[in-house]
Amino acid sequence: MIFFLIGCSILLALLFLAAFFWASKSGQHDDTYTPAVRILFDDDVVKQENEKQFPQDKEKDDEDHI
């Protein structure tokens, strides 16, 4: 029974190792900084910048609310 459990644990460890390498190869761990500071970005600033660049979109939104 102990040999069966050791074999299962090694198989499970190899599966986790393969999943880790697959995630690393697909770019899962490339950007670790941005998600941590994304909460600090102010969405209103982005919205105001978009309104400055595309004022016609703001007018269209105002017409939709009337």
C-alpha atoms as a PDB file:
ATOM      1  CA  MET A   1       0.000   0.000   0.000  1.00  0.00           C
ATOM      2  CA  ILE A   2       2.833   2.410   0.807  1.00  0.00           C
ATOM      3  CA  PHE A   3       4.379   1.885  -2.638  1.00  0.00           C
ATOM      4  CA  PHE A   4       1.029   2.689  -4.255  1.00  0.00           C
ATOM      5  CA  LEU A   5       0.755   5.938  -2.263  1.00  0.00           C
ATOM      6  CA  ILE A   6       4.330   6.929  -3.120  1.00  0.00           C
ATOM      7  CA  GLY A   7       3.646   6.270  -6.795  1.00  0.00           C
ATOM      8  CA  CYS A   8       0.457   8.344  -6.690  1.00  0.00           C
ATOM      9  CA  SER A   9       2.216  11.226  -4.956  1.00  0.00           C
ATOM     10  CA  ILE A  10       5.052  11.209  -7.511  1.00  0.00           C
ATOM     11  CA  LEU A  11       2.536  11.132 -10.359  1.00  0.00           C
ATOM     12  CA  LEU A  12       0.614  14.021  -8.824  1.00  0.00           C
ATOM     13  CA  ALA A  13       3.834  16.003  -8.309  1.00  0.00           C
ATOM     14  CA  LEU A  14       4.781  15.451 -11.963  1.00  0.00           C
ATOM     15  CA  LEU A  15       1.344  16.651 -13.068  1.00  0.00           C
ATOM     16  CA  PHE A  16       1.716  19.835 -11.030  1.00  0.00           C
ATOM     17  CA  LEU A  17       5.225  20.357 -12.404  1.00  0.00           C
ATOM     18  CA  ALA A  18       3.948  19.939 -15.966  1.00  0.00           C
ATOM     19  CA  ALA A  19       1.118  22.422 -15.280  1.00  0.00           C
ATOM     20  CA  PHE A  20       3.631  24.932 -13.898  1.00  0.00           C
ATOM     21  CA  PHE A  21       5.879  24.648 -16.958  1.00  0.00           C
ATOM     22  CA  TRP A  22       2.861  24.922 -19.278  1.00  0.00           C
ATOM     23  CA  ALA A  23       1.699  28.090 -17.481  1.00  0.00           C
ATOM     24  CA  SER A  24       5.192  29.579 -17.611  1.00  0.00           C
ATOM     25  CA  LYS A  25       5.556  28.801 -21.293  1.00  0.00           C
ATOM     26  CA  SER A  26       2.176  30.339 -22.135  1.00  0.00           C
ATOM     27  CA  GLY A  27       3.103  33.623 -20.424  1.00  0.00           C
ATOM     28  CA  GLN A  28       1.099  33.282 -17.236  1.00  0.00           C
ATOM     29  CA  HIS A  29       3.926  34.596 -15.030  1.00  0.00           C
ATOM     30  CA  ASP A  30       5.272  37.340 -17.310  1.00  0.00           C
ATOM     31  CA  ASP A  31       3.690  40.399 -15.695  1.00  0.00           C
ATOM     32  CA  THR A  32       3.577  40.127 -11.936  1.00  0.00           C
ATOM     33  CA  TYR A  33       3.682  43.873 -11.209  1.00  0.00           C
ATOM     34  CA  THR A  34       0.628  45.306 -12.973  1.00  0.00           C
ATOM     35  CA  PRO A  35      -2.118  43.259 -11.263  1.00  0.00           C
ATOM     36  CA  ALA A  36      -0.824  44.337  -7.849  1.00  0.00           C
ATOM     37  CA  VAL A  37      -1.044  48.061  -8.637  1.00  0.00           C
ATOM     38  CA  ARG A  38      -4.099  48.013 -10.919  1.00  0.00           C
ATOM     39  CA  ILE A  39      -6.309  48.848  -7.931  1.00  0.00           C
ATOM     40  CA  LEU A  40      -4.392  52.104  -7.494  1.00  0.00           C
ATOM     41  CA  PHE A  41      -5.222  53.414 -10.979  1.00  0.00           C
ATOM     42  CA  ASP A  42      -8.074  55.864 -11.105  1.00  0.00           C
ATOM     43  CA  ASP A  43     -10.662  54.999 -13.753  1.00  0.00           C
ATOM     44  CA  ASP A  44     -11.997  58.570 -13.808  1.00  0.00           C
ATOM     45  CA  VAL A  45      -8.682  59.891 -15.139  1.00  0.00           C
ATOM     46  CA  VAL A  46      -8.809  57.462 -18.045  1.00  0.00           C
ATOM     47  CA  LYS A  47     -12.415  58.414 -18.747  1.00  0.00           C
ATOM     48  CA  GLN A  48     -11.556  62.155 -18.721  1.00  0.00           C
ATOM     49  CA  GLU A  49      -8.607  61.596 -21.074  1.00  0.00           C
ATOM     50  CA  ASN A  50     -10.881  59.707 -23.465  1.00  0.00           C
ATOM     51  CA  GLU A  51     -13.398  62.546 -23.381  1.00  0.00           C
ATOM     52  CA  LYS A  52     -10.656  65.030 -24.289  1.00  0.00           C
ATOM     53  CA  GLN A  53      -9.535  62.885 -27.206  1.00  0.00           C
ATOM     54  CA  PHE A  54     -13.012  61.927 -28.444  1.00  0.00           C
ATOM     55  CA  PRO A  55     -15.536  64.640 -27.497  1.00  0.00           C
ATOM     56  CA  GLN A  56     -18.077  63.331 -30.033  1.00  0.00           C
ATOM     57  CA  ASP A  57     -18.433  60.149 -27.944  1.00  0.00           C
ATOM     58  CA  LYS A  58     -19.481  62.204 -24.916  1.00  0.00           C
ATOM     59  CA  GLU A  59     -22.140  63.987 -26.962  1.00  0.00           C
ATOM     60  CA  LYS A  60     -23.439  60.641 -28.193  1.00  0.00           C
ATOM     61  CA  ASP A  61     -23.621  59.339 -24.613  1.00  0.00           C
ATOM     62  CA  ASP A  62     -25.518  62.472 -23.538  1.00  0.00           C
ATOM     63  CA  GLU A  63     -28.073  61.932 -26.329  1.00  0.00           C
ATOM     64  CA  ASP A  64     -28.599  58.337 -25.214  1.00  0.00           C
ATOM     65  CA  HIS A  65     -29.531  59.467 -21.681  1.00  0.00           C
ATOM     66  CA  ILE A  66     -32.145  62.007 -22.817  1.00  0.00           C
END
